[in-house]
Amino acid sequence: MTMRGLALREISTRHWFRVLFKEMNVGIINGLAIALTTGVAVLLWSGNSGLALVICIAMVLSMVIAGVAGAVIPIALTRLGQDPAQSSTIVLTTVTDVAGFLSFLGIATLLSRLL
């Protein structure tokens, strides 16, 4: 959405905080919906509530980080004079992949006694 807004000149780099806040809220809502769905599936499949909790927390965290990165990276690239449509996909993919792995593995490590 940030890329579209920048391309259509509906938002500018001055609006970064408003866009960041909006994308963070969307990430929380999406994360909770996906976490609930995935958590129930994991609980039914494995019968392990600790694993379901780890998956749920990691999903919410990953979705929030993805939303924030999806808002900040195109705006930052625009401020740096780069074309966000050309450059942001690889950076955004890397950030979301690393955040997903680290959030899942980090939370699993912290809550390993529940697994």
N, C-alpha and C. Protein backbone atom coordinates (compact mmCIF):
# COMPACT_ATOMS: atom_id res chain seq x y z
N MET A 1 0.82 -1.19 0.00
CA MET A 1 0.00 0.00 0.00
C MET A 1 0.87 1.26 0.00
N THR A 2 1.99 1.19 0.66
CA THR A 2 2.88 2.34 0.70
C THR A 2 3.45 2.61 -0.68
N MET A 3 3.81 1.55 -1.38
CA MET A 3 4.34 1.71 -2.75
C MET A 3 3.30 2.36 -3.65
N ARG A 4 2.07 1.91 -3.55
CA ARG A 4 0.99 2.48 -4.36
C ARG A 4 0.77 3.95 -4.01
N GLY A 5 0.76 4.24 -2.73
CA GLY A 5 0.58 5.62 -2.29
C GLY A 5 1.69 6.54 -2.76
N LEU A 6 2.92 6.05 -2.73
CA LEU A 6 4.05 6.85 -3.23
C LEU A 6 3.96 7.04 -4.74
N ALA A 7 3.60 5.97 -5.45
CA ALA A 7 3.52 6.05 -6.92
C ALA A 7 2.41 6.99 -7.37
N LEU A 8 1.29 6.99 -6.68
CA LEU A 8 0.17 7.86 -7.04
C LEU A 8 0.24 9.23 -6.37
N ARG A 9 1.31 9.45 -5.63
CA ARG A 9 1.53 10.69 -4.91
C ARG A 9 0.41 11.01 -3.91
N GLU A 10 -0.16 9.95 -3.35
CA GLU A 10 -1.16 10.12 -2.31
C GLU A 10 -0.51 10.33 -0.95
N ILE A 11 0.72 9.84 -0.79
CA ILE A 11 1.49 10.08 0.43
C ILE A 11 2.86 10.58 0.04
N SER A 12 3.49 11.24 0.97
CA SER A 12 4.86 11.70 0.74
C SER A 12 5.71 11.22 1.90
N THR A 13 6.99 11.51 1.81
CA THR A 13 7.89 11.07 2.88
C THR A 13 7.60 11.79 4.20
N ARG A 14 6.87 12.90 4.13
CA ARG A 14 6.50 13.61 5.37
C ARG A 14 5.48 12.83 6.20
N HIS A 15 4.75 11.93 5.55
CA HIS A 15 3.69 11.18 6.22
C HIS A 15 4.17 9.86 6.80
N TRP A 16 5.47 9.71 6.97
CA TRP A 16 6.01 8.41 7.35
C TRP A 16 5.46 7.90 8.67
N PHE A 17 5.26 8.79 9.66
CA PHE A 17 4.79 8.33 10.97
C PHE A 17 3.35 7.84 10.89
N ARG A 18 2.51 8.56 10.17
CA ARG A 18 1.11 8.15 10.02
C ARG A 18 1.00 6.82 9.28
N VAL A 19 1.80 6.66 8.23
CA VAL A 19 1.81 5.41 7.46
C VAL A 19 2.34 4.28 8.33
N LEU A 20 3.39 4.53 9.08
CA LEU A 20 3.97 3.52 9.96
C LEU A 20 2.95 3.05 11.00
N PHE A 21 2.25 3.98 11.63
CA PHE A 21 1.26 3.64 12.64
C PHE A 21 0.11 2.83 12.04
N LYS A 22 -0.34 3.23 10.86
CA LYS A 22 -1.43 2.53 10.20
C LYS A 22 -1.02 1.10 9.82
N GLU A 23 0.16 0.94 9.27
CA GLU A 23 0.64 -0.39 8.88
C GLU A 23 0.90 -1.26 10.10
N MET A 24 1.34 -0.67 11.19
CA MET A 24 1.55 -1.43 12.41
C MET A 24 0.21 -1.96 12.93
N ASN A 25 -0.82 -1.15 12.90
CA ASN A 25 -2.14 -1.59 13.33
C ASN A 25 -2.68 -2.70 12.44
N VAL A 26 -2.49 -2.56 11.13
CA VAL A 26 -2.92 -3.61 10.20
C VAL A 26 -2.14 -4.89 10.46
N GLY A 27 -0.86 -4.77 10.75
CA GLY A 27 -0.04 -5.94 11.07
C GLY A 27 -0.53 -6.65 12.32
N ILE A 28 -0.94 -5.88 13.32
CA ILE A 28 -1.46 -6.49 14.55
C ILE A 28 -2.76 -7.23 14.27
N ILE A 29 -3.65 -6.61 13.52
CA ILE A 29 -4.94 -7.24 13.22
C ILE A 29 -4.73 -8.50 12.37
N ASN A 30 -3.94 -8.39 11.32
CA ASN A 30 -3.65 -9.56 10.48
C ASN A 30 -2.93 -10.64 11.28
N GLY A 31 -1.98 -10.23 12.09
CA GLY A 31 -1.23 -11.19 12.90
C GLY A 31 -2.13 -11.94 13.86
N LEU A 32 -3.06 -11.24 14.50
CA LEU A 32 -3.97 -11.91 15.42
C LEU A 32 -4.88 -12.89 14.69
N ALA A 33 -5.38 -12.50 13.53
CA ALA A 33 -6.25 -13.39 12.76
C ALA A 33 -5.49 -14.63 12.29
N ILE A 34 -4.30 -14.44 11.77
CA ILE A 34 -3.51 -15.58 11.31
C ILE A 34 -3.04 -16.42 12.49
N ALA A 35 -2.67 -15.77 13.58
CA ALA A 35 -2.22 -16.51 14.77
C ALA A 35 -3.35 -17.37 15.33
N LEU A 36 -4.54 -16.85 15.37
CA LEU A 36 -5.67 -17.62 15.87
C LEU A 36 -5.93 -18.85 15.00
N THR A 37 -5.95 -18.63 13.69
CA THR A 37 -6.19 -19.74 12.76
C THR A 37 -5.08 -20.78 12.85
N THR A 38 -3.84 -20.33 12.80
CA THR A 38 -2.70 -21.24 12.83
C THR A 38 -2.57 -21.91 14.19
N GLY A 39 -2.79 -21.15 15.25
CA GLY A 39 -2.69 -21.71 16.59
C GLY A 39 -3.69 -22.83 16.83
N VAL A 40 -4.92 -22.64 16.36
CA VAL A 40 -5.93 -23.69 16.51
C VAL A 40 -5.53 -24.92 15.70
N ALA A 41 -5.04 -24.70 14.48
CA ALA A 41 -4.62 -25.83 13.64
C ALA A 41 -3.45 -26.59 14.27
N VAL A 42 -2.49 -25.87 14.82
CA VAL A 42 -1.33 -26.52 15.46
C VAL A 42 -1.78 -27.26 16.71
N LEU A 43 -2.67 -26.67 17.46
CA LEU A 43 -3.16 -27.33 18.68
C LEU A 43 -3.91 -28.62 18.33
N LEU A 44 -4.76 -28.58 17.31
CA LEU A 44 -5.48 -29.77 16.90
C LEU A 44 -4.55 -30.83 16.32
N TRP A 45 -3.54 -30.38 15.59
CA TRP A 45 -2.62 -31.31 14.93
C TRP A 45 -1.65 -31.96 15.91
N SER A 46 -1.06 -31.13 16.77
CA SER A 46 -0.01 -31.66 17.66
C SER A 46 -0.49 -31.93 19.08
N GLY A 47 -1.53 -31.24 19.49
CA GLY A 47 -2.00 -31.38 20.86
C GLY A 47 -1.11 -30.70 21.88
N ASN A 48 -0.17 -29.87 21.40
CA ASN A 48 0.79 -29.21 22.29
C ASN A 48 0.44 -27.73 22.36
N SER A 49 -0.07 -27.30 23.50
CA SER A 49 -0.46 -25.90 23.65
C SER A 49 0.74 -24.96 23.67
N GLY A 50 1.89 -25.44 24.13
CA GLY A 50 3.10 -24.63 24.13
C GLY A 50 3.55 -24.30 22.72
N LEU A 51 3.50 -25.29 21.84
CA LEU A 51 3.86 -25.06 20.44
C LEU A 51 2.88 -24.11 19.78
N ALA A 52 1.60 -24.27 20.09
CA ALA A 52 0.58 -23.36 19.54
C ALA A 52 0.83 -21.92 20.02
N LEU A 53 1.22 -21.76 21.27
CA LEU A 53 1.52 -20.42 21.81
C LEU A 53 2.73 -19.81 21.11
N VAL A 54 3.77 -20.60 20.91
CA VAL A 54 4.97 -20.12 20.22
C VAL A 54 4.61 -19.67 18.80
N ILE A 55 3.84 -20.47 18.10
CA ILE A 55 3.43 -20.14 16.73
C ILE A 55 2.60 -18.85 16.73
N CYS A 56 1.68 -18.72 17.66
CA CYS A 56 0.81 -17.54 17.70
C CYS A 56 1.62 -16.27 17.95
N ILE A 57 2.48 -16.29 18.92
CA ILE A 57 3.29 -15.10 19.22
C ILE A 57 4.21 -14.76 18.05
N ALA A 58 4.82 -15.78 17.47
CA ALA A 58 5.72 -15.54 16.33
C ALA A 58 4.96 -14.98 15.13
N MET A 59 3.75 -15.44 14.90
CA MET A 59 2.95 -14.93 13.78
C MET A 59 2.60 -13.45 13.97
N VAL A 60 2.17 -13.10 15.15
CA VAL A 60 1.82 -11.69 15.40
C VAL A 60 3.06 -10.82 15.25
N LEU A 61 4.15 -11.24 15.84
CA LEU A 61 5.39 -10.46 15.76
C LEU A 61 5.87 -10.34 14.32
N SER A 62 5.83 -11.42 13.57
CA SER A 62 6.27 -11.39 12.17
C SER A 62 5.40 -10.47 11.33
N MET A 63 4.11 -10.51 11.54
CA MET A 63 3.20 -9.67 10.76
C MET A 63 3.38 -8.19 11.09
N VAL A 64 3.62 -7.88 12.34
CA VAL A 64 3.85 -6.48 12.73
C VAL A 64 5.16 -5.99 12.10
N ILE A 65 6.20 -6.80 12.18
CA ILE A 65 7.49 -6.41 11.60
C ILE A 65 7.36 -6.25 10.08
N ALA A 66 6.63 -7.16 9.44
CA ALA A 66 6.42 -7.07 7.99
C ALA A 66 5.66 -5.80 7.62
N GLY A 67 4.65 -5.45 8.41
CA GLY A 67 3.89 -4.22 8.14
C GLY A 67 4.74 -2.98 8.31
N VAL A 68 5.51 -2.95 9.38
CA VAL A 68 6.38 -1.79 9.63
C VAL A 68 7.45 -1.68 8.54
N ALA A 69 8.06 -2.80 8.19
CA ALA A 69 9.08 -2.78 7.15
C ALA A 69 8.48 -2.40 5.80
N GLY A 70 7.28 -2.89 5.53
CA GLY A 70 6.61 -2.55 4.27
C GLY A 70 6.27 -1.08 4.15
N ALA A 71 6.14 -0.40 5.28
CA ALA A 71 5.88 1.04 5.26
C ALA A 71 7.17 1.84 5.24
N VAL A 72 8.14 1.43 6.04
CA VAL A 72 9.35 2.22 6.22
C VAL A 72 10.33 2.10 5.04
N ILE A 73 10.50 0.89 4.53
CA ILE A 73 11.52 0.69 3.49
C ILE A 73 11.25 1.51 2.22
N PRO A 74 10.04 1.49 1.65
CA PRO A 74 9.83 2.33 0.46
C PRO A 74 10.00 3.83 0.73
N ILE A 75 9.55 4.28 1.90
CA ILE A 75 9.69 5.69 2.23
C ILE A 75 11.17 6.05 2.41
N ALA A 76 11.92 5.18 3.10
CA ALA A 76 13.35 5.43 3.29
C ALA A 76 14.09 5.44 1.96
N LEU A 77 13.76 4.51 1.07
CA LEU A 77 14.42 4.49 -0.24
C LEU A 77 14.08 5.74 -1.05
N THR A 78 12.85 6.21 -0.93
CA THR A 78 12.47 7.44 -1.62
C THR A 78 13.26 8.62 -1.08
N ARG A 79 13.41 8.68 0.26
CA ARG A 79 14.19 9.76 0.87
C ARG A 79 15.66 9.72 0.45
N LEU A 80 16.16 8.51 0.19
CA LEU A 80 17.55 8.35 -0.23
C LEU A 80 17.74 8.54 -1.74
N GLY A 81 16.65 8.87 -2.43
CA GLY A 81 16.74 9.14 -3.86
C GLY A 81 16.74 7.90 -4.74
N GLN A 82 16.36 6.75 -4.17
CA GLN A 82 16.32 5.51 -4.93
C GLN A 82 14.89 5.24 -5.39
N ASP A 83 14.75 4.39 -6.38
CA ASP A 83 13.44 3.99 -6.86
C ASP A 83 12.91 2.88 -5.95
N PRO A 84 11.87 3.14 -5.16
CA PRO A 84 11.40 2.12 -4.23
C PRO A 84 10.78 0.91 -4.93
N ALA A 85 10.21 1.11 -6.10
CA ALA A 85 9.60 -0.01 -6.82
C ALA A 85 10.66 -1.01 -7.27
N GLN A 86 11.83 -0.54 -7.52
CA GLN A 86 12.89 -1.40 -8.01
C GLN A 86 13.70 -2.02 -6.87
N SER A 87 13.84 -1.32 -5.79
CA SER A 87 14.77 -1.75 -4.74
C SER A 87 14.10 -2.35 -3.51
N SER A 88 12.88 -1.99 -3.23
CA SER A 88 12.32 -2.37 -1.93
C SER A 88 11.94 -3.84 -1.84
N THR A 89 11.66 -4.50 -2.94
CA THR A 89 11.21 -5.89 -2.84
C THR A 89 12.27 -6.80 -2.24
N ILE A 90 13.49 -6.67 -2.67
CA ILE A 90 14.54 -7.55 -2.15
C ILE A 90 14.84 -7.24 -0.68
N VAL A 91 14.84 -5.97 -0.33
CA VAL A 91 15.10 -5.59 1.06
C VAL A 91 13.94 -6.04 1.95
N LEU A 92 12.72 -5.82 1.49
CA LEU A 92 11.54 -6.20 2.27
C LEU A 92 11.46 -7.72 2.44
N THR A 93 11.75 -8.46 1.40
CA THR A 93 11.75 -9.92 1.50
C THR A 93 12.78 -10.40 2.51
N THR A 94 13.95 -9.81 2.45
CA THR A 94 15.01 -10.20 3.39
C THR A 94 14.61 -9.89 4.83
N VAL A 95 14.09 -8.70 5.06
CA VAL A 95 13.69 -8.31 6.42
C VAL A 95 12.59 -9.22 6.94
N THR A 96 11.58 -9.50 6.14
CA THR A 96 10.48 -10.34 6.62
C THR A 96 10.93 -11.79 6.85
N ASP A 97 11.79 -12.31 5.99
CA ASP A 97 12.29 -13.67 6.19
C ASP A 97 13.13 -13.78 7.46
N VAL A 98 14.04 -12.85 7.63
CA VAL A 98 14.90 -12.87 8.82
C VAL A 98 14.05 -12.67 10.08
N ALA A 99 13.12 -11.75 10.03
CA ALA A 99 12.26 -11.50 11.20
C ALA A 99 11.40 -12.72 11.52
N GLY A 100 10.90 -13.39 10.50
CA GLY A 100 10.09 -14.58 10.73
C GLY A 100 10.87 -15.69 11.38
N PHE A 101 12.06 -15.96 10.84
CA PHE A 101 12.89 -17.02 11.42
C PHE A 101 13.33 -16.67 12.84
N LEU A 102 13.80 -15.45 13.03
CA LEU A 102 14.28 -15.07 14.35
C LEU A 102 13.16 -15.01 15.38
N SER A 103 11.99 -14.52 14.97
CA SER A 103 10.90 -14.46 15.94
C SER A 103 10.45 -15.85 16.34
N PHE A 104 10.31 -16.75 15.37
CA PHE A 104 9.88 -18.11 15.71
C PHE A 104 10.93 -18.83 16.55
N LEU A 105 12.17 -18.81 16.09
CA LEU A 105 13.21 -19.54 16.81
C LEU A 105 13.53 -18.89 18.16
N GLY A 106 13.50 -17.57 18.21
CA GLY A 106 13.76 -16.88 19.47
C GLY A 106 12.69 -17.13 20.51
N ILE A 107 11.44 -17.07 20.08
CA ILE A 107 10.34 -17.34 21.02
C ILE A 107 10.35 -18.81 21.42
N ALA A 108 10.64 -19.70 20.49
CA ALA A 108 10.72 -21.13 20.82
C ALA A 108 11.84 -21.37 21.84
N THR A 109 12.94 -20.67 21.69
CA THR A 109 14.04 -20.82 22.66
C THR A 109 13.63 -20.29 24.03
N LEU A 110 12.98 -19.13 24.04
CA LEU A 110 12.55 -18.55 25.33
C LEU A 110 11.49 -19.40 26.03
N LEU A 111 10.62 -20.02 25.24
CA LEU A 111 9.54 -20.82 25.82
C LEU A 111 9.77 -22.32 25.66
N SER A 112 11.02 -22.72 25.56
CA SER A 112 11.35 -24.13 25.29
C SER A 112 10.84 -25.07 26.38
N ARG A 113 10.68 -24.59 27.57
CA ARG A 113 10.18 -25.46 28.64
C ARG A 113 8.72 -25.86 28.42
N LEU A 114 8.00 -25.09 27.59
CA LEU A 114 6.60 -25.43 27.30
C LEU A 114 6.45 -26.42 26.14
N LEU A 115 7.53 -26.63 25.43
CA LEU A 115 7.46 -27.49 24.26
C LEU A 115 7.65 -28.89 24.67
